[in-house]
C-alpha cells in the first residue's frame, strides 16, 4: 500500500477489525534481495517455499496469528465493484 487507507474506508476497516492490518508496513523499507530470494524458492504448484531445511507453508492460521485477526464471525464471500464506495452496504457493519 502506498499510503494510509482513505478516510472513507477507515470506519469500515475499524468496524471489521482490520484497521491495524491496513496500517502494517507503513514506513518499512522492503529488501529487494530478500524478496527475490523468497520468489526463487516459491513453488506455485505446491504453494510452498522450498528452503534448505525443508518445505515451508504459510497457513491462514499463521496469518491470523501474525496479523492479530479475529477467527470468528461471518466470512466475506461477495465481490463488489463500485465507483461509489460510500454507497456499499456491508451487512453487520455499523448496524
PDB file of N, CA and C in Angstrom:
ATOM      1  N   UNK A   1       0.853  -1.165   0.000  1.00  0.00           N
ATOM      2  CA  UNK A   1       0.000   0.000   0.000  1.00  0.00           C
ATOM      3  C   UNK A   1       0.899   1.227   0.000  1.00  0.00           C
ATOM      4  N   UNK A   2       0.609   2.206  -0.822  1.00  0.00           N
ATOM      5  CA  UNK A   2       1.480   3.364  -0.951  1.00  0.00           C
ATOM      6  C   UNK A   2       1.266   4.390   0.150  1.00  0.00           C
ATOM      7  N   UNK A   3       0.176   4.374   0.812  1.00  0.00           N
ATOM      8  CA  UNK A   3      -0.103   5.320   1.886  1.00  0.00           C
ATOM      9  C   UNK A   3      -1.207   4.782   2.755  1.00  0.00           C
ATOM     10  N   UNK A   4      -1.632   5.561   3.728  1.00  0.00           N
ATOM     11  CA  UNK A   4      -2.711   5.082   4.592  1.00  0.00           C
ATOM     12  C   UNK A   4      -4.012   4.941   3.808  1.00  0.00           C
ATOM     13  N   UNK A   5      -4.881   4.040   4.251  1.00  0.00           N
ATOM     14  CA  UNK A   5      -6.172   3.891   3.578  1.00  0.00           C
ATOM     15  C   UNK A   5      -6.954   5.204   3.643  1.00  0.00           C
ATOM     16  N   UNK A   6      -7.840   5.411   2.704  1.00  0.00           N
ATOM     17  CA  UNK A   6      -8.620   6.645   2.678  1.00  0.00           C
ATOM     18  C   UNK A   6      -9.511   6.723   3.902  1.00  0.00           C
ATOM     19  N   UNK A   7      -9.834   7.946   4.306  1.00  0.00           N
ATOM     20  CA  UNK A   7     -10.699   8.139   5.467  1.00  0.00           C
ATOM     21  C   UNK A   7     -12.078   7.536   5.227  1.00  0.00           C
ATOM     22  N   UNK A   8     -12.490   7.425   3.978  1.00  0.00           N
ATOM     23  CA  UNK A   8     -13.765   6.816   3.635  1.00  0.00           C
ATOM     24  C   UNK A   8     -13.797   5.344   4.062  1.00  0.00           C
ATOM     25  N   UNK A   9     -12.675   4.659   3.903  1.00  0.00           N
ATOM     26  CA  UNK A   9     -12.607   3.235   4.238  1.00  0.00           C
ATOM     27  C   UNK A   9     -12.246   2.990   5.705  1.00  0.00           C
ATOM     28  N   UNK A  10     -11.711   3.988   6.385  1.00  0.00           N
ATOM     29  CA  UNK A  10     -11.220   3.783   7.750  1.00  0.00           C
ATOM     30  C   UNK A  10     -12.297   3.244   8.681  1.00  0.00           C
ATOM     31  N   UNK A  11     -13.493   3.817   8.665  1.00  0.00           N
ATOM     32  CA  UNK A  11     -14.550   3.345   9.566  1.00  0.00           C
ATOM     33  C   UNK A  11     -14.934   1.900   9.288  1.00  0.00           C
ATOM     34  N   UNK A  12     -15.016   1.533   8.013  1.00  0.00           N
ATOM     35  CA  UNK A  12     -15.334   0.143   7.665  1.00  0.00           C
ATOM     36  C   UNK A  12     -14.239  -0.795   8.172  1.00  0.00           C
ATOM     37  N   UNK A  13     -12.981  -0.403   7.972  1.00  0.00           N
ATOM     38  CA  UNK A  13     -11.866  -1.231   8.412  1.00  0.00           C
ATOM     39  C   UNK A  13     -11.835  -1.361   9.929  1.00  0.00           C
ATOM     40  N   UNK A  14     -12.132  -0.276  10.638  1.00  0.00           N
ATOM     41  CA  UNK A  14     -12.152  -0.324  12.103  1.00  0.00           C
ATOM     42  C   UNK A  14     -13.272  -1.239  12.602  1.00  0.00           C
ATOM     43  N   UNK A  15     -14.465  -1.106  12.034  1.00  0.00           N
ATOM     44  CA  UNK A  15     -15.604  -1.927  12.456  1.00  0.00           C
ATOM     45  C   UNK A  15     -15.368  -3.404  12.177  1.00  0.00           C
ATOM     46  N   UNK A  16     -14.670  -3.700  11.104  1.00  0.00           N
ATOM     47  CA  UNK A  16     -14.393  -5.088  10.744  1.00  0.00           C
ATOM     48  C   UNK A  16     -13.187  -5.642  11.490  1.00  0.00           C
ATOM     49  N   UNK A  17     -12.478  -4.782  12.235  1.00  0.00           N
ATOM     50  CA  UNK A  17     -11.308  -5.229  12.975  1.00  0.00           C
ATOM     51  C   UNK A  17     -10.058  -5.361  12.126  1.00  0.00           C
ATOM     52  N   UNK A  18     -10.018  -4.666  10.984  1.00  0.00           N
ATOM     53  CA  UNK A  18      -8.881  -4.765  10.070  1.00  0.00           C
ATOM     54  C   UNK A  18      -8.042  -3.493  10.009  1.00  0.00           C
ATOM     55  N   UNK A  19      -8.347  -2.492  10.833  1.00  0.00           N
ATOM     56  CA  UNK A  19      -7.628  -1.228  10.729  1.00  0.00           C
ATOM     57  C   UNK A  19      -6.135  -1.419  10.944  1.00  0.00           C
ATOM     58  N   UNK A  20      -5.754  -2.170  11.968  1.00  0.00           N
ATOM     59  CA  UNK A  20      -4.333  -2.362  12.242  1.00  0.00           C
ATOM     60  C   UNK A  20      -3.637  -3.105  11.108  1.00  0.00           C
ATOM     61  N   UNK A  21      -4.367  -3.976  10.410  1.00  0.00           N
ATOM     62  CA  UNK A  21      -3.786  -4.704   9.281  1.00  0.00           C
ATOM     63  C   UNK A  21      -3.518  -3.743   8.119  1.00  0.00           C
ATOM     64  N   UNK A  22      -4.424  -2.802   7.907  1.00  0.00           N
ATOM     65  CA  UNK A  22      -4.274  -1.850   6.803  1.00  0.00           C
ATOM     66  C   UNK A  22      -3.087  -0.922   7.013  1.00  0.00           C
ATOM     67  N   UNK A  23      -2.651  -0.765   8.258  1.00  0.00           N
ATOM     68  CA  UNK A  23      -1.546   0.152   8.528  1.00  0.00           C
ATOM     69  C   UNK A  23      -0.216  -0.568   8.738  1.00  0.00           C
ATOM     70  N   UNK A  24      -0.197  -1.892   8.643  1.00  0.00           N
ATOM     71  CA  UNK A  24       1.046  -2.650   8.799  1.00  0.00           C
ATOM     72  C   UNK A  24       2.000  -2.303   7.655  1.00  0.00           C
ATOM     73  N   UNK A  25       3.226  -2.132   7.989  1.00  0.00           N
ATOM     74  CA  UNK A  25       4.239  -1.910   6.965  1.00  0.00           C
ATOM     75  C   UNK A  25       4.451  -0.471   6.570  1.00  0.00           C
ATOM     76  N   UNK A  26       3.662   0.438   7.097  1.00  0.00           N
ATOM     77  CA  UNK A  26       3.877   1.839   6.759  1.00  0.00           C
ATOM     78  C   UNK A  26       5.212   2.281   7.338  1.00  0.00           C
ATOM     79  N   UNK A  27       6.038   2.849   6.517  1.00  0.00           N
ATOM     80  CA  UNK A  27       7.344   3.305   6.941  1.00  0.00           C
ATOM     81  C   UNK A  27       8.416   2.221   6.898  1.00  0.00           C
ATOM     82  N   UNK A  28       8.044   1.011   6.475  1.00  0.00           N
ATOM     83  CA  UNK A  28       9.022  -0.071   6.389  1.00  0.00           C
ATOM     84  C   UNK A  28       9.693  -0.053   5.015  1.00  0.00           C
ATOM     85  N   UNK A  29      10.963  -0.353   5.011  1.00  0.00           N
ATOM     86  CA  UNK A  29      11.700  -0.441   3.757  1.00  0.00           C
ATOM     87  C   UNK A  29      11.769  -1.911   3.342  1.00  0.00           C
ATOM     88  N   UNK A  30      11.394  -2.208   2.127  1.00  0.00           N
ATOM     89  CA  UNK A  30      11.449  -3.574   1.621  1.00  0.00           C
ATOM     90  C   UNK A  30      12.860  -3.887   1.137  1.00  0.00           C
ATOM     91  N   UNK A  31      13.295  -5.107   1.362  1.00  0.00           N
ATOM     92  CA  UNK A  31      14.616  -5.556   0.935  1.00  0.00           C
ATOM     93  C   UNK A  31      14.465  -6.338  -0.371  1.00  0.00           C
ATOM     94  N   UNK A  32      14.809  -5.742  -1.509  1.00  0.00           N
ATOM     95  CA  UNK A  32      14.618  -6.417  -2.796  1.00  0.00           C
ATOM     96  C   UNK A  32      15.358  -7.753  -2.903  1.00  0.00           C
ATOM     97  N   UNK A  33      16.540  -7.871  -2.285  1.00  0.00           N
ATOM     98  CA  UNK A  33      17.288  -9.129  -2.355  1.00  0.00           C
ATOM     99  C   UNK A  33      16.570 -10.234  -1.583  1.00  0.00           C
ATOM    100  N   UNK A  34      16.005  -9.895  -0.437  1.00  0.00           N
ATOM    101  CA  UNK A  34      15.258 -10.881   0.344  1.00  0.00           C
ATOM    102  C   UNK A  34      14.002 -11.316  -0.405  1.00  0.00           C
ATOM    103  N   UNK A  35      13.301 -10.367  -0.984  1.00  0.00           N
ATOM    104  CA  UNK A  35      12.098 -10.699  -1.753  1.00  0.00           C
ATOM    105  C   UNK A  35      12.451 -11.584  -2.936  1.00  0.00           C
ATOM    106  N   UNK A  36      13.534 -11.271  -3.640  1.00  0.00           N
ATOM    107  CA  UNK A  36      13.972 -12.100  -4.777  1.00  0.00           C
ATOM    108  C   UNK A  36      14.313 -13.515  -4.333  1.00  0.00           C
ATOM    109  N   UNK A  37      14.990 -13.647  -3.178  1.00  0.00           N
ATOM    110  CA  UNK A  37      15.340 -14.973  -2.673  1.00  0.00           C
ATOM    111  C   UNK A  37      14.090 -15.784  -2.355  1.00  0.00           C
ATOM    112  N   UNK A  38      13.078 -15.146  -1.772  1.00  0.00           N
ATOM    113  CA  UNK A  38      11.841 -15.861  -1.466  1.00  0.00           C
ATOM    114  C   UNK A  38      11.100 -16.253  -2.747  1.00  0.00           C
ATOM    115  N   UNK A  39      11.098 -15.369  -3.725  1.00  0.00           N
ATOM    116  CA  UNK A  39      10.440 -15.669  -5.003  1.00  0.00           C
ATOM    117  C   UNK A  39      11.098 -16.867  -5.677  1.00  0.00           C
ATOM    118  N   UNK A  40      12.426 -16.926  -5.632  1.00  0.00           N
ATOM    119  CA  UNK A  40      13.146 -18.045  -6.242  1.00  0.00           C
ATOM    120  C   UNK A  40      12.807 -19.383  -5.566  1.00  0.00           C
ATOM    121  N   UNK A  41      12.461 -19.343  -4.295  1.00  0.00           N
ATOM    122  CA  UNK A  41      12.177 -20.571  -3.551  1.00  0.00           C
ATOM    123  C   UNK A  41      10.693 -20.941  -3.530  1.00  0.00           C
ATOM    124  N   UNK A  42       9.837 -20.098  -4.085  1.00  0.00           N
ATOM    125  CA  UNK A  42       8.400 -20.355  -4.100  1.00  0.00           C
ATOM    126  C   UNK A  42       8.060 -21.365  -5.188  1.00  0.00           C
ATOM    127  N   UNK A  43       7.252 -22.351  -4.842  1.00  0.00           N
ATOM    128  CA  UNK A  43       6.787 -23.364  -5.794  1.00  0.00           C
ATOM    129  C   UNK A  43       5.274 -23.248  -5.926  1.00  0.00           C
ATOM    130  N   UNK A  44       4.796 -22.608  -7.007  1.00  0.00           N
ATOM    131  CA  UNK A  44       3.353 -22.373  -7.152  1.00  0.00           C
ATOM    132  C   UNK A  44       2.530 -23.656  -7.246  1.00  0.00           C
ATOM    133  N   UNK A  45       3.130 -24.736  -7.741  1.00  0.00           N
ATOM    134  CA  UNK A  45       2.354 -25.977  -7.864  1.00  0.00           C
ATOM    135  C   UNK A  45       1.992 -26.570  -6.500  1.00  0.00           C
ATOM    136  N   UNK A  46       2.795 -26.301  -5.469  1.00  0.00           N
ATOM    137  CA  UNK A  46       2.507 -26.822  -4.133  1.00  0.00           C
ATOM    138  C   UNK A  46       2.202 -25.704  -3.127  1.00  0.00           C
ATOM    139  N   UNK A  47       2.314 -24.457  -3.562  1.00  0.00           N
ATOM    140  CA  UNK A  47       2.092 -23.291  -2.705  1.00  0.00           C
ATOM    141  C   UNK A  47       2.967 -23.343  -1.460  1.00  0.00           C
ATOM    142  N   UNK A  48       4.240 -23.667  -1.651  1.00  0.00           N
ATOM    143  CA  UNK A  48       5.189 -23.752  -0.548  1.00  0.00           C
ATOM    144  C   UNK A  48       6.497 -23.074  -0.933  1.00  0.00           C
ATOM    145  N   UNK A  49       7.274 -22.737   0.100  1.00  0.00           N
ATOM    146  CA  UNK A  49       8.644 -22.291  -0.093  1.00  0.00           C
ATOM    147  C   UNK A  49       9.532 -23.508   0.107  1.00  0.00           C
ATOM    148  N   UNK A  50      10.483 -23.729  -0.798  1.00  0.00           N
ATOM    149  CA  UNK A  50      11.448 -24.818  -0.664  1.00  0.00           C
ATOM    150  C   UNK A  50      12.740 -24.228  -0.118  1.00  0.00           C
ATOM    151  N   UNK A  51      12.989 -24.497   1.156  1.00  0.00           N
ATOM    152  CA  UNK A  51      14.147 -23.955   1.859  1.00  0.00           C
ATOM    153  C   UNK A  51      15.150 -25.068   2.131  1.00  0.00           C
ATOM    154  N   UNK A  52      16.407 -24.725   2.438  1.00  0.00           N
ATOM    155  CA  UNK A  52      17.413 -25.755   2.736  1.00  0.00           C
ATOM    156  C   UNK A  52      16.992 -26.689   3.875  1.00  0.00           C
ATOM    157  N   UNK A  53      16.194 -26.203   4.817  1.00  0.00           N
ATOM    158  CA  UNK A  53      15.767 -27.020   5.955  1.00  0.00           C
ATOM    159  C   UNK A  53      14.490 -27.804   5.665  1.00  0.00           C
ATOM    160  N   UNK A  54      13.884 -27.619   4.500  1.00  0.00           N
ATOM    161  CA  UNK A  54      12.656 -28.326   4.140  1.00  0.00           C
ATOM    162  C   UNK A  54      11.622 -27.382   3.558  1.00  0.00           C
ATOM    163  N   UNK A  55      10.406 -27.893   3.398  1.00  0.00           N
ATOM    164  CA  UNK A  55       9.328 -27.078   2.848  1.00  0.00           C
ATOM    165  C   UNK A  55       8.703 -26.208   3.936  1.00  0.00           C
ATOM    166  N   UNK A  56       8.270 -25.033   3.542  1.00  0.00           N
ATOM    167  CA  UNK A  56       7.629 -24.106   4.465  1.00  0.00           C
ATOM    168  C   UNK A  56       6.343 -23.623   3.808  1.00  0.00           C
ATOM    169  N   UNK A  57       5.258 -23.681   4.548  1.00  0.00           N
ATOM    170  CA  UNK A  57       3.974 -23.226   4.025  1.00  0.00           C
ATOM    171  C   UNK A  57       3.399 -22.192   4.978  1.00  0.00           C
ATOM    172  N   UNK A  58       2.727 -21.210   4.445  1.00  0.00           N
ATOM    173  CA  UNK A  58       2.063 -20.193   5.255  1.00  0.00           C
ATOM    174  C   UNK A  58       0.576 -20.527   5.254  1.00  0.00           C
ATOM    175  N   UNK A  59       0.020 -20.727   6.426  1.00  0.00           N
ATOM    176  CA  UNK A  59      -1.383 -21.098   6.546  1.00  0.00           C
ATOM    177  C   UNK A  59      -2.231 -19.884   6.914  1.00  0.00           C
ATOM    178  N   UNK A  60      -3.537 -20.033   6.792  1.00  0.00           N
ATOM    179  CA  UNK A  60      -4.434 -18.974   7.224  1.00  0.00           C
ATOM    180  C   UNK A  60      -4.309 -18.741   8.726  1.00  0.00           C
ATOM    181  N   UNK A  61      -4.055 -19.817   9.483  1.00  0.00           N
ATOM    182  CA  UNK A  61      -3.859 -19.663  10.923  1.00  0.00           C
ATOM    183  C   UNK A  61      -2.612 -18.826  11.205  1.00  0.00           C
ATOM    184  N   UNK A  62      -1.540 -19.018  10.425  1.00  0.00           N
ATOM    185  CA  UNK A  62      -0.338 -18.200  10.569  1.00  0.00           C
ATOM    186  C   UNK A  62      -0.678 -16.725  10.378  1.00  0.00           C
ATOM    187  N   UNK A  63      -1.424 -16.439   9.330  1.00  0.00           N
ATOM    188  CA  UNK A  63      -1.791 -15.048   9.038  1.00  0.00           C
ATOM    189  C   UNK A  63      -2.668 -14.475  10.152  1.00  0.00           C
ATOM    190  N   UNK A  64      -3.593 -15.292  10.651  1.00  0.00           N
ATOM    191  CA  UNK A  64      -4.462 -14.847  11.731  1.00  0.00           C
ATOM    192  C   UNK A  64      -3.640 -14.458  12.956  1.00  0.00           C
ATOM    193  N   UNK A  65      -2.684 -15.293  13.327  1.00  0.00           N
ATOM    194  CA  UNK A  65      -1.858 -15.027  14.500  1.00  0.00           C
ATOM    195  C   UNK A  65      -0.916 -13.850  14.292  1.00  0.00           C
ATOM    196  N   UNK A  66      -0.267 -13.792  13.133  1.00  0.00           N
ATOM    197  CA  UNK A  66       0.711 -12.736  12.875  1.00  0.00           C
ATOM    198  C   UNK A  66       0.068 -11.363  12.725  1.00  0.00           C
ATOM    199  N   UNK A  67      -1.132 -11.323  12.144  1.00  0.00           N
ATOM    200  CA  UNK A  67      -1.796 -10.041  11.907  1.00  0.00           C
ATOM    201  C   UNK A  67      -2.800  -9.684  12.999  1.00  0.00           C
ATOM    202  N   UNK A  68      -3.001 -10.586  13.962  1.00  0.00           N
ATOM    203  CA  UNK A  68      -3.932 -10.303  15.050  1.00  0.00           C
ATOM    204  C   UNK A  68      -5.377 -10.259  14.617  1.00  0.00           C
ATOM    205  N   UNK A  69      -5.730 -11.095  13.643  1.00  0.00           N
ATOM    206  CA  UNK A  69      -7.099 -11.101  13.127  1.00  0.00           C
ATOM    207  C   UNK A  69      -7.995 -11.992  13.980  1.00  0.00           C
ATOM    208  N   UNK A  70      -9.268 -11.656  14.018  1.00  0.00           N
ATOM    209  CA  UNK A  70     -10.242 -12.495  14.703  1.00  0.00           C
ATOM    210  C   UNK A  70     -10.597 -13.671  13.806  1.00  0.00           C
ATOM    211  N   UNK A  71     -10.793 -14.811  14.394  1.00  0.00           N
ATOM    212  CA  UNK A  71     -11.119 -16.004  13.613  1.00  0.00           C
ATOM    213  C   UNK A  71     -12.576 -16.380  13.700  1.00  0.00           C
ATOM    214  N   UNK A  72     -13.429 -15.451  14.081  1.00  0.00           N
ATOM    215  CA  UNK A  72     -14.854 -15.763  14.174  1.00  0.00           C
ATOM    216  C   UNK A  72     -15.656 -14.720  13.406  1.00  0.00           C
ATOM    217  N   UNK A  73     -16.930 -14.969  13.248  1.00  0.00           N
ATOM    218  CA  UNK A  73     -17.787 -14.034  12.533  1.00  0.00           C
ATOM    219  C   UNK A  73     -18.094 -14.523  11.137  1.00  0.00           C
ATOM    220  N   UNK A  74     -18.782 -13.699  10.393  1.00  0.00           N
ATOM    221  CA  UNK A  74     -19.196 -14.057   9.038  1.00  0.00           C
ATOM    222  C   UNK A  74     -18.056 -13.842   8.054  1.00  0.00           C
ATOM    223  N   UNK A  75     -17.980 -14.722   7.093  1.00  0.00           N
ATOM    224  CA  UNK A  75     -16.972 -14.588   6.041  1.00  0.00           C
ATOM    225  C   UNK A  75     -17.489 -13.653   4.956  1.00  0.00           C
ATOM    226  N   UNK A  76     -16.605 -12.880   4.376  1.00  0.00           N
ATOM    227  CA  UNK A  76     -16.938 -12.022   3.249  1.00  0.00           C
ATOM    228  C   UNK A  76     -16.742 -12.847   1.994  1.00  0.00           C
ATOM    229  N   UNK A  77     -17.827 -13.122   1.298  1.00  0.00           N
ATOM    230  CA  UNK A  77     -17.739 -14.025   0.154  1.00  0.00           C
ATOM    231  C   UNK A  77     -18.205 -13.389  -1.146  1.00  0.00           C
ATOM    232  N   UNK A  78     -18.601 -12.149  -1.117  1.00  0.00           N
ATOM    233  CA  UNK A  78     -19.093 -11.497  -2.330  1.00  0.00           C
ATOM    234  C   UNK A  78     -18.014 -10.582  -2.899  1.00  0.00           C
ATOM    235  N   UNK A  79     -18.052 -10.389  -4.196  1.00  0.00           N
ATOM    236  CA  UNK A  79     -17.170  -9.386  -4.786  1.00  0.00           C
ATOM    237  C   UNK A  79     -17.988  -8.124  -5.021  1.00  0.00           C
ATOM    238  N   UNK A  80     -17.331  -6.991  -4.905  1.00  0.00           N
ATOM    239  CA  UNK A  80     -18.011  -5.708  -5.041  1.00  0.00           C
ATOM    240  C   UNK A  80     -17.252  -4.873  -6.047  1.00  0.00           C
ATOM    241  N   UNK A  81     -17.981  -4.348  -7.003  1.00  0.00           N
ATOM    242  CA  UNK A  81     -17.390  -3.443  -7.978  1.00  0.00           C
ATOM    243  C   UNK A  81     -18.225  -2.179  -7.971  1.00  0.00           C
ATOM    244  N   UNK A  82     -17.624  -1.077  -7.532  1.00  0.00           N
ATOM    245  CA  UNK A  82     -18.371   0.159  -7.422  1.00  0.00           C
ATOM    246  C   UNK A  82     -17.437   1.344  -7.551  1.00  0.00           C
ATOM    247  N   UNK A  83     -17.937   2.393  -8.164  1.00  0.00           N
ATOM    248  CA  UNK A  83     -17.177   3.635  -8.232  1.00  0.00           C
ATOM    249  C   UNK A  83     -17.492   4.485  -7.006  1.00  0.00           C
ATOM    250  N   UNK A  84     -18.581   4.139  -6.286  1.00  0.00           N
ATOM    251  CA  UNK A  84     -19.015   4.900  -5.115  1.00  0.00           C
ATOM    252  C   UNK A  84     -18.968   4.001  -3.889  1.00  0.00           C
ATOM    253  N   UNK A  85     -17.782   3.904  -3.244  1.00  0.00           N
ATOM    254  CA  UNK A  85     -17.618   3.019  -2.092  1.00  0.00           C
ATOM    255  C   UNK A  85     -18.497   3.437  -0.926  1.00  0.00           C
ATOM    256  N   UNK A  86     -18.871   4.693  -0.846  1.00  0.00           N
ATOM    257  CA  UNK A  86     -19.748   5.157   0.223  1.00  0.00           C
ATOM    258  C   UNK A  86     -21.141   4.561   0.128  1.00  0.00           C
ATOM    259  N   UNK A  87     -21.516   4.087  -1.062  1.00  0.00           N
ATOM    260  CA  UNK A  87     -22.853   3.523  -1.270  1.00  0.00           C
ATOM    261  C   UNK A  87     -22.907   2.032  -0.977  1.00  0.00           C
ATOM    262  N   UNK A  88     -21.755   1.418  -0.706  1.00  0.00           N
ATOM    263  CA  UNK A  88     -21.714  -0.017  -0.457  1.00  0.00           C
ATOM    264  C   UNK A  88     -22.234  -0.311   0.939  1.00  0.00           C
ATOM    265  N   UNK A  89     -23.163  -1.250   1.051  1.00  0.00           N
ATOM    266  CA  UNK A  89     -23.685  -1.683   2.344  1.00  0.00           C
ATOM    267  C   UNK A  89     -23.015  -2.994   2.729  1.00  0.00           C
ATOM    268  N   UNK A  90     -22.383  -2.992   3.890  1.00  0.00           N
ATOM    269  CA  UNK A  90     -21.742  -4.209   4.389  1.00  0.00           C
ATOM    270  C   UNK A  90     -22.617  -4.748   5.506  1.00  0.00           C
ATOM    271  N   UNK A  91     -23.236  -5.915   5.314  1.00  0.00           N
ATOM    272  CA  UNK A  91     -24.089  -6.478   6.362  1.00  0.00           C
ATOM    273  C   UNK A  91     -23.324  -6.631   7.670  1.00  0.00           C
ATOM    274  N   UNK A  92     -23.938  -6.154   8.754  1.00  0.00           N
ATOM    275  CA  UNK A  92     -23.326  -6.280  10.062  1.00  0.00           C
ATOM    276  C   UNK A  92     -22.385  -5.139  10.431  1.00  0.00           C
ATOM    277  N   UNK A  93     -22.069  -4.289   9.472  1.00  0.00           N
ATOM    278  CA  UNK A  93     -21.148  -3.181   9.739  1.00  0.00           C
ATOM    279  C   UNK A  93     -21.952  -1.933  10.061  1.00  0.00           C
ATOM    280  N   UNK A  94     -21.785  -1.433  11.256  1.00  0.00           N
ATOM    281  CA  UNK A  94     -22.423  -0.174  11.646  1.00  0.00           C
ATOM    282  C   UNK A  94     -23.914  -0.276  11.860  1.00  0.00           C
ATOM    283  N   UNK A  95     -24.422  -1.460  12.030  1.00  0.00           N
ATOM    284  CA  UNK A  95     -25.874  -1.598  12.236  1.00  0.00           C
ATOM    285  C   UNK A  95     -26.213  -1.555  13.700  1.00  0.00           C
TER     286      UNK A  95
END
